[in-house]
Protein backbone atom coordinates (compact mmCIF):
# COMPACT_ATOMS: atom_id res chain seq x y z
CA MET A 1 -64.22 27.08 8.56
CA ASN A 2 -67.46 25.15 8.56
CA ASP A 3 -69.86 28.08 8.38
CA ILE A 4 -73.00 26.04 7.79
CA CYS A 5 -72.73 24.15 11.09
CA ARG A 6 -72.26 27.41 12.99
CA LEU A 7 -75.20 29.05 11.25
CA LEU A 8 -77.48 26.07 11.81
CA LYS A 9 -76.72 26.20 15.52
CA ARG A 10 -77.62 29.90 15.62
CA MET A 11 -80.86 29.30 13.67
CA LYS A 12 -81.90 26.54 16.06
CA GLU A 13 -81.36 28.84 19.02
CA GLU A 14 -83.74 31.39 17.47
CA LYS A 15 -86.25 29.20 15.64
CA ASP A 16 -88.98 31.83 15.42
CA LYS A 17 -86.89 34.43 13.58
CA ILE A 18 -86.34 35.26 9.92
CA PHE A 19 -82.75 35.69 8.80
CA ALA A 20 -80.96 36.55 5.61
CA MET A 21 -78.10 34.26 4.73
CA ALA A 22 -75.33 35.77 2.60
CA THR A 23 -73.08 33.39 0.67
CA ILE A 24 -70.07 34.24 -1.48
CA ILE A 25 -70.73 32.49 -4.79
CA ARG A 26 -67.96 33.97 -6.95
CA VAL A 27 -64.60 35.67 -6.40
CA ASP A 28 -62.52 37.12 -9.20
CA GLY A 29 -59.12 38.10 -7.82
CA SER A 30 -58.26 38.15 -4.13
CA ALA A 31 -60.65 38.49 -1.21
CA TYR A 32 -60.71 38.08 2.57
CA ARG A 33 -62.73 34.88 2.21
CA ARG A 34 -63.48 32.54 -0.69
CA GLU A 35 -66.53 30.94 -2.31
CA GLY A 36 -68.83 29.24 0.16
CA ALA A 37 -68.20 31.63 3.06
CA LYS A 38 -71.45 32.57 4.81
CA MET A 39 -72.90 34.98 7.32
CA LEU A 40 -76.32 35.22 8.95
CA ILE A 41 -78.07 38.58 9.30
CA ALA A 42 -81.07 39.15 11.58
CA GLU A 43 -83.98 41.55 11.20
CA ASP A 44 -82.49 43.91 13.79
CA GLY A 45 -79.23 44.22 11.82
CA SER A 46 -77.16 41.99 14.07
CA TYR A 47 -75.12 39.38 12.28
CA PHE A 48 -73.28 36.16 12.94
CA GLY A 49 -70.15 35.23 11.02
CA THR A 50 -68.32 37.34 8.46
CA ILE A 51 -67.47 37.21 4.79
CA SER A 52 -65.16 40.21 4.58
CA ALA A 53 -62.72 42.08 6.79
CA GLY A 54 -65.51 44.51 7.65
CA CYS A 55 -65.63 46.49 4.43
CA LEU A 56 -68.87 44.96 3.11
CA GLU A 57 -70.90 44.15 6.20
CA GLU A 58 -72.58 47.56 6.53
CA ASP A 59 -74.02 47.41 3.01
CA LEU A 60 -74.85 43.70 3.34
CA ILE A 61 -76.99 44.50 6.40
CA TYR A 62 -78.90 47.02 4.29
CA GLN A 63 -79.31 44.52 1.44
CA ALA A 64 -80.34 41.80 3.88
CA GLN A 65 -83.11 43.95 5.34
CA GLU A 66 -84.62 44.26 1.87
CA VAL A 67 -84.43 40.49 1.42
CA ILE A 68 -86.10 39.84 4.80
CA ASP A 69 -88.87 42.37 4.13
CA SER A 70 -89.65 41.05 0.65
CA LEU A 71 -88.80 37.37 1.31
CA GLN A 72 -87.11 37.45 -2.10
CA ALA A 73 -83.52 36.40 -2.68
CA LYS A 74 -81.09 38.62 -4.56
CA THR A 75 -77.51 38.68 -5.81
CA VAL A 76 -75.22 41.66 -5.19
CA LYS A 77 -71.78 42.40 -6.59
CA TYR A 78 -68.91 44.33 -5.04
CA ASP A 79 -65.86 45.54 -6.94
CA LEU A 80 -62.98 45.81 -4.49
CA ARG A 81 -60.40 46.52 -7.18
CA SER A 82 -61.15 50.18 -7.82
CA GLU A 83 -59.14 52.81 -5.93
CA ASP A 84 -61.37 55.87 -6.21
CA ASP A 85 -62.73 57.24 -2.93
CA LEU A 86 -66.34 56.31 -3.71
CA SER A 87 -65.61 52.66 -4.37
CA TRP A 88 -65.69 49.58 -2.22
CA GLY A 89 -61.97 49.28 -2.82
CA GLN A 90 -61.17 52.16 -0.44
CA SER A 91 -59.07 50.72 2.39
CA ALA A 92 -60.61 47.32 1.77
CA GLY A 93 -57.31 45.47 1.66
CA CYS A 94 -58.64 43.28 -1.13
CA ASP A 95 -58.20 43.24 -4.87
CA GLY A 96 -61.14 41.23 -6.12
CA ASP A 97 -64.61 41.29 -7.58
CA ILE A 98 -67.09 39.48 -5.30
CA GLU A 99 -70.59 38.18 -5.97
CA ILE A 100 -72.82 37.41 -2.98
CA TYR A 101 -76.15 35.59 -2.91
CA ILE A 102 -78.54 36.72 -0.16
CA GLU A 103 -81.61 34.61 0.65
CA PRO A 104 -84.30 34.64 3.35
CA ILE A 105 -84.23 31.64 5.66
CA GLY A 106 -85.98 30.50 8.80
CA TRP A 107 -86.05 27.33 10.88
CA GLU A 108 -89.75 26.80 11.56
CA LEU A 109 -91.53 29.77 10.00
CA SER A 110 -94.62 28.85 7.96
CA MET A 111 -93.95 31.51 5.33
CA LEU A 112 -90.59 29.91 4.56
CA GLN A 113 -91.47 26.33 5.38
CA GLN A 114 -90.88 23.50 2.97
CA ASN A 115 -92.40 20.06 3.38
CA PRO A 116 -90.53 18.38 4.90
CA PRO A 117 -88.55 21.29 6.43
CA LEU A 118 -85.18 21.49 4.76
CA TRP A 119 -82.96 23.15 7.36
CA PRO A 120 -83.79 20.71 10.18
CA TYR A 121 -83.22 17.92 7.66
CA ILE A 122 -79.81 19.33 6.72
CA ASP A 123 -78.90 19.66 10.39
CA GLN A 124 -79.96 16.07 11.06
CA GLN A 125 -77.96 14.70 8.14
CA LEU A 126 -74.82 16.64 9.08
CA SER A 127 -75.08 15.50 12.70
CA GLN A 128 -75.00 11.92 11.38
CA GLY A 129 -71.81 12.61 9.43
CA ILE A 130 -73.51 12.74 6.02
CA ASN A 131 -72.40 15.14 3.28
CA ILE A 132 -75.09 17.07 1.41
CA VAL A 133 -75.07 18.85 -1.93
CA SER A 134 -77.70 21.54 -2.43
CA ALA A 135 -78.83 22.32 -5.98
CA LYS A 136 -80.84 25.54 -6.28
CA CYS A 137 -82.38 26.77 -9.54
CA MET A 138 -81.42 30.42 -9.93
CA ASN A 139 -83.28 31.30 -13.14
CA GLY A 140 -85.45 28.76 -14.86
CA GLY A 141 -88.98 30.07 -15.17
CA ASP A 142 -91.37 28.33 -12.82
CA LYS A 143 -88.45 26.28 -11.46
CA GLN A 144 -86.65 29.37 -10.16
CA GLY A 145 -85.86 29.16 -6.45
CA THR A 146 -86.57 25.44 -6.14
CA LEU A 147 -84.08 23.56 -4.02
CA ILE A 148 -83.09 19.89 -4.14
CA LEU A 149 -80.83 18.20 -1.57
CA TYR A 150 -78.66 15.20 -2.41
CA SER A 151 -77.17 13.21 0.50
CA ASP A 152 -74.17 10.97 -0.01
CA ASN A 153 -76.21 8.09 1.42
CA GLY A 154 -78.36 8.22 -1.72
CA ASN A 155 -81.33 10.20 -0.34
CA ILE A 156 -82.88 13.02 -2.36
CA LEU A 157 -85.10 15.65 -0.76
CA GLY A 158 -86.43 18.96 -2.00
CA GLU A 159 -89.17 21.08 -3.48
CA SER A 160 -89.07 19.64 -6.97
CA THR A 161 -91.83 17.22 -7.94
CA ASP A 162 -90.12 16.53 -11.25
CA LYS A 163 -88.17 13.31 -10.75
CA ASP A 164 -86.66 13.68 -14.21
CA ILE A 165 -84.95 16.93 -13.15
CA GLU A 166 -83.64 15.28 -10.00
CA GLN A 167 -82.05 12.48 -12.03
CA ARG A 168 -80.67 14.84 -14.69
CA LEU A 169 -78.80 16.76 -12.02
CA ILE A 170 -76.99 13.71 -10.59
CA PRO A 171 -74.03 13.78 -13.08
CA TYR A 172 -73.52 17.46 -12.23
CA ILE A 173 -73.68 16.61 -8.52
CA ASN A 174 -70.94 13.99 -8.99
CA ASN A 175 -68.71 16.37 -10.95
CA PHE A 176 -69.27 19.14 -8.44
CA PHE A 177 -68.35 16.91 -5.50
CA LEU A 178 -65.20 15.74 -7.26
CA SER A 179 -64.17 19.31 -8.02
CA GLY A 180 -63.32 19.91 -4.35
CA THR A 181 -65.11 23.28 -4.31
CA LYS A 182 -67.84 24.31 -1.89
CA VAL A 183 -69.84 26.48 -4.29
CA LYS A 184 -70.27 26.40 -8.04
CA PHE A 185 -72.58 28.23 -10.44
CA ILE A 186 -73.42 26.03 -13.46
CA HIS A 187 -75.59 26.61 -16.53
CA ILE A 188 -77.33 23.36 -17.53
CA ASN A 189 -78.25 23.50 -21.19
CA GLU A 190 -80.74 20.64 -21.25
CA LEU A 191 -82.74 22.29 -18.45
CA ASN A 192 -82.19 25.83 -19.79
CA SER A 193 -81.45 26.89 -16.22
CA ASP A 194 -78.64 28.12 -13.99
CA TYR A 195 -78.05 26.14 -10.80
CA LEU A 196 -76.15 27.05 -7.69
CA PHE A 197 -74.47 23.99 -6.18
CA GLU A 198 -73.31 24.07 -2.56
CA LEU A 199 -71.54 21.43 -0.50
CA TYR A 200 -72.55 21.15 3.15
CA GLN A 201 -70.16 19.07 5.23
CA PRO A 202 -70.45 17.78 8.80
CA LYS A 203 -67.96 18.77 11.45
CA ASP A 204 -64.74 16.80 11.46
CA ILE A 205 -64.59 14.29 14.30
CA LEU A 206 -61.79 14.50 16.84
CA TYR A 207 -61.22 11.76 19.42
CA VAL A 208 -59.03 12.64 22.40
CA PHE A 209 -57.79 9.80 24.58
CA GLY A 210 -56.84 11.29 27.93
CA ALA A 211 -58.63 13.90 30.01
CA GLY A 212 -55.66 15.49 31.67
CA PRO A 213 -55.48 19.25 32.39
CA ASP A 214 -53.42 19.72 29.21
CA ALA A 215 -56.37 18.46 27.16
CA GLU A 216 -58.74 21.14 28.47
CA PRO A 217 -57.54 24.09 26.32
CA LEU A 218 -57.12 21.74 23.35
CA VAL A 219 -60.75 20.55 23.50
CA GLU A 220 -62.03 24.08 24.02
CA LEU A 221 -60.10 25.39 21.00
CA ALA A 222 -61.05 22.40 18.83
CA SER A 223 -64.75 22.94 19.50
CA GLN A 224 -64.40 26.58 18.45
CA LEU A 225 -62.73 25.49 15.21
CA ASP A 226 -65.54 23.23 13.99
CA PHE A 227 -64.42 19.89 15.36
CA SER A 228 -66.90 17.56 17.02
CA VAL A 229 -64.89 16.40 20.03
CA THR A 230 -65.17 13.08 21.86
CA ILE A 231 -63.02 12.61 24.95
CA ILE A 232 -62.27 9.21 26.47
CA ASP A 233 -60.86 8.62 29.96
CA PRO A 234 -61.75 6.16 32.76
CA ARG A 235 -61.56 8.84 35.48
CA SER A 236 -64.95 10.33 36.25
CA SER A 237 -63.25 13.13 38.20
CA ARG A 238 -61.48 14.25 35.02
CA CYS A 239 -63.76 13.21 32.15
CA SER A 240 -66.59 15.51 33.19
CA GLU A 241 -68.68 18.39 31.93
CA ILE A 242 -67.00 20.64 34.47
CA ASN A 243 -63.58 20.12 32.90
CA PHE A 244 -64.75 19.70 29.29
CA PRO A 245 -67.99 21.66 28.85
CA ASN A 246 -67.49 21.99 25.09
CA ALA A 247 -66.89 18.31 24.34
CA ASP A 248 -69.71 16.78 22.31
CA PHE A 249 -69.29 13.36 23.92
CA ARG A 250 -67.52 12.13 27.05
CA PHE A 251 -66.84 8.43 27.63
CA ILE A 252 -65.79 7.45 31.16
CA GLU A 253 -64.27 4.17 30.05
CA HIS A 254 -61.05 2.29 29.59
CA PRO A 255 -59.88 2.07 25.95
CA GLU A 256 -60.75 -1.65 25.71
CA SER A 257 -64.35 -1.00 26.71
CA PHE A 258 -64.62 2.00 24.40
CA PHE A 259 -63.33 0.14 21.33
CA ASN A 260 -65.78 -2.70 21.99
CA LYS A 261 -68.62 -0.20 21.50
CA ILE A 262 -67.31 2.38 19.05
CA GLN A 263 -65.64 2.01 15.67
CA ILE A 264 -63.60 5.08 14.82
CA PRO A 265 -64.27 6.24 11.22
CA PHE A 266 -61.33 6.27 8.82
CA ASP A 267 -61.68 10.02 8.18
CA SER A 268 -61.39 10.98 11.87
CA PHE A 269 -58.69 12.78 13.80
CA VAL A 270 -57.32 11.02 16.88
CA LEU A 271 -55.02 12.32 19.62
CA VAL A 272 -53.51 9.96 22.17
CA MET A 273 -52.46 11.84 25.29
CA THR A 274 -53.16 9.70 28.37
CA HIS A 275 -49.62 10.10 29.80
CA ASN A 276 -49.77 6.37 30.56
CA PHE A 277 -47.37 4.21 28.54
CA ASN A 278 -49.29 0.93 28.82
CA ARG A 279 -52.62 2.59 28.07
CA ASP A 280 -51.20 4.43 25.05
CA GLN A 281 -49.79 1.15 23.77
CA LYS A 282 -53.19 -0.58 24.00
CA ILE A 283 -54.89 2.33 22.25
CA LEU A 284 -52.42 2.19 19.38
CA GLN A 285 -52.87 -1.56 19.04
CA TYR A 286 -56.54 -0.93 18.28
CA LEU A 287 -56.08 2.14 16.11
CA LEU A 288 -53.30 0.76 13.92
CA GLN A 289 -55.54 -2.08 12.74
CA ALA A 290 -57.38 0.55 10.67
CA PRO A 291 -55.57 3.89 11.02
CA PRO A 292 -57.64 7.10 10.94
CA LYS A 293 -56.86 10.07 8.74
CA TYR A 294 -54.77 11.60 11.50
CA LEU A 295 -53.28 9.73 14.45
CA GLY A 296 -51.15 11.82 16.77
CA VAL A 297 -49.37 10.72 19.94
CA LEU A 298 -48.28 13.21 22.58
CA GLY A 299 -44.66 12.97 23.58
CA PRO A 300 -41.25 12.69 21.94
CA LYS A 301 -40.73 10.48 18.92
CA ARG A 302 -38.47 8.05 20.79
CA ARG A 303 -41.32 7.30 23.23
CA THR A 304 -43.69 6.61 20.36
CA GLU A 305 -41.18 4.29 18.77
CA ARG A 306 -41.19 2.25 21.98
CA LEU A 307 -44.99 2.09 21.90
CA VAL A 308 -45.11 0.32 18.53
CA ASN A 309 -43.70 -3.16 17.95
CA ASP A 310 -43.68 -2.93 14.15
CA PRO A 311 -41.53 0.01 12.96
CA HIS A 312 -43.37 0.01 9.61
CA LEU A 313 -46.51 1.19 11.42
CA LEU A 314 -44.80 4.38 12.58
CA SER A 315 -45.60 5.96 9.21
CA PHE A 316 -49.28 6.10 10.29
CA ILE A 317 -48.44 8.07 13.44
CA GLN A 318 -47.66 11.74 13.84
CA SER A 319 -45.22 12.23 16.69
CA PRO A 320 -44.49 14.68 18.12
CA ILE A 321 -47.85 16.34 17.45
CA GLY A 322 -48.35 19.95 16.41
CA LEU A 323 -46.60 22.39 14.12
CA ASN A 324 -43.13 23.35 15.26
CA ILE A 325 -43.68 26.85 16.61
CA GLY A 326 -41.61 26.43 19.75
CA ALA A 327 -44.78 26.06 21.82
CA GLU A 328 -44.59 25.87 25.60
CA GLY A 329 -47.39 25.14 28.04
CA PRO A 330 -50.85 23.64 27.38
CA GLU A 331 -52.32 26.71 25.66
CA GLU A 332 -49.50 27.18 23.14
CA ILE A 333 -49.25 23.45 22.50
CA SER A 334 -53.00 23.37 21.83
CA ILE A 335 -52.57 26.10 19.22
CA SER A 336 -49.76 24.20 17.50
CA VAL A 337 -51.78 20.96 17.48
CA LEU A 338 -54.95 22.57 16.12
CA ALA A 339 -52.91 24.40 13.49
CA GLU A 340 -51.64 21.02 12.30
CA LEU A 341 -55.13 19.52 12.27
CA ILE A 342 -56.52 22.49 10.32
CA LYS A 343 -53.70 22.18 7.81
CA ILE A 344 -54.55 18.54 7.21
CA ARG A 345 -58.29 19.23 7.15
CA ASN A 346 -57.91 21.89 4.49
CA GLN A 347 -55.79 19.75 2.23
CA SER A 348 -57.57 18.01 -0.60
CA ASN A 349 -58.36 14.42 0.34
CA SER A 350 -59.06 12.56 -2.90
CA TYR A 351 -59.45 9.26 -1.09
CA ILE A 352 -62.49 10.47 0.82
CA LYS A 353 -64.03 11.85 -2.37
CA GLU A 354 -63.50 8.56 -4.18
CA GLN A 355 -65.18 6.70 -1.33
CA SER A 356 -68.19 9.04 -1.31
CA VAL A 357 -68.82 9.96 -4.92
CA GLY A 358 -70.48 6.67 -5.81
CA CYS A 359 -73.29 7.40 -3.38
CA TRP A 360 -74.75 10.39 -5.23
CA ILE A 361 -77.15 8.18 -7.19
């Protein structure tokens, strides 16, 4: 799950409010969610997102209220391994020790405002497909609480005026990004400080060619599961906000026109489901020149084999699409397809890291 994108959307909708953001920064043993999981807690006790199966939220709301009132961050620990009746382990269903960092945040509030404002900047960078690493000093004297953001396009932004510190952190940023983790707590000897590193990633991009009725539940589910969805179809009656209200972009165009304007990134997900043999064939001719991370074609494998002239290119295509769960009907097929996309998304992709790591300088 891409918690940060969900939380940013909620913060933008309520720009004048103070929230407490809770982030799991360490797990020893098993837990419902892992490091990097987040939830947003409002002043009235309502919350968005979850970091446990419900066993910690009540106390986290109490802790968050203290953070909001004081505007001071804090770290809390929960031991879910104990079995006595007074412990957090009672009926928790977990067997781990969890450490959670709770901090006050706000979108446009002067009392929490940085210059330039960090959260709108993060949102802007993520919307442009840029990865960000956040480095926050947790205990370092007058540096405590300072935050520096490193974008993989080479930009550095934050509260630190010490350029030497910014440059000293770059090797740790590179190592953190290569580690494949979303959160890491590191003691840096030369700075005599502990830093919390977090990776913020944009939504994965999903292109859907074909705006048939079977694509409607797929696009709706994909948008709920942190995909930024673009749908392409020449029929204005089908490729519309009425049929696809949750699509981020809708292109009422033929594939040839679309590809003349848009270059699909290599780390994208693409589904071809126009139900038109000739149109599918043209789409694949474009896509197979530089295949994306995932290229799926709706229909049986024998149909896909007829779509491609060079049999060696079939290795770049997933067909049929979706995990084999015996799905029937658009809704079940959508679940099987999204399950496959999530599986691929959650797998470590060293190629993407190698392409990006050189930019953290």
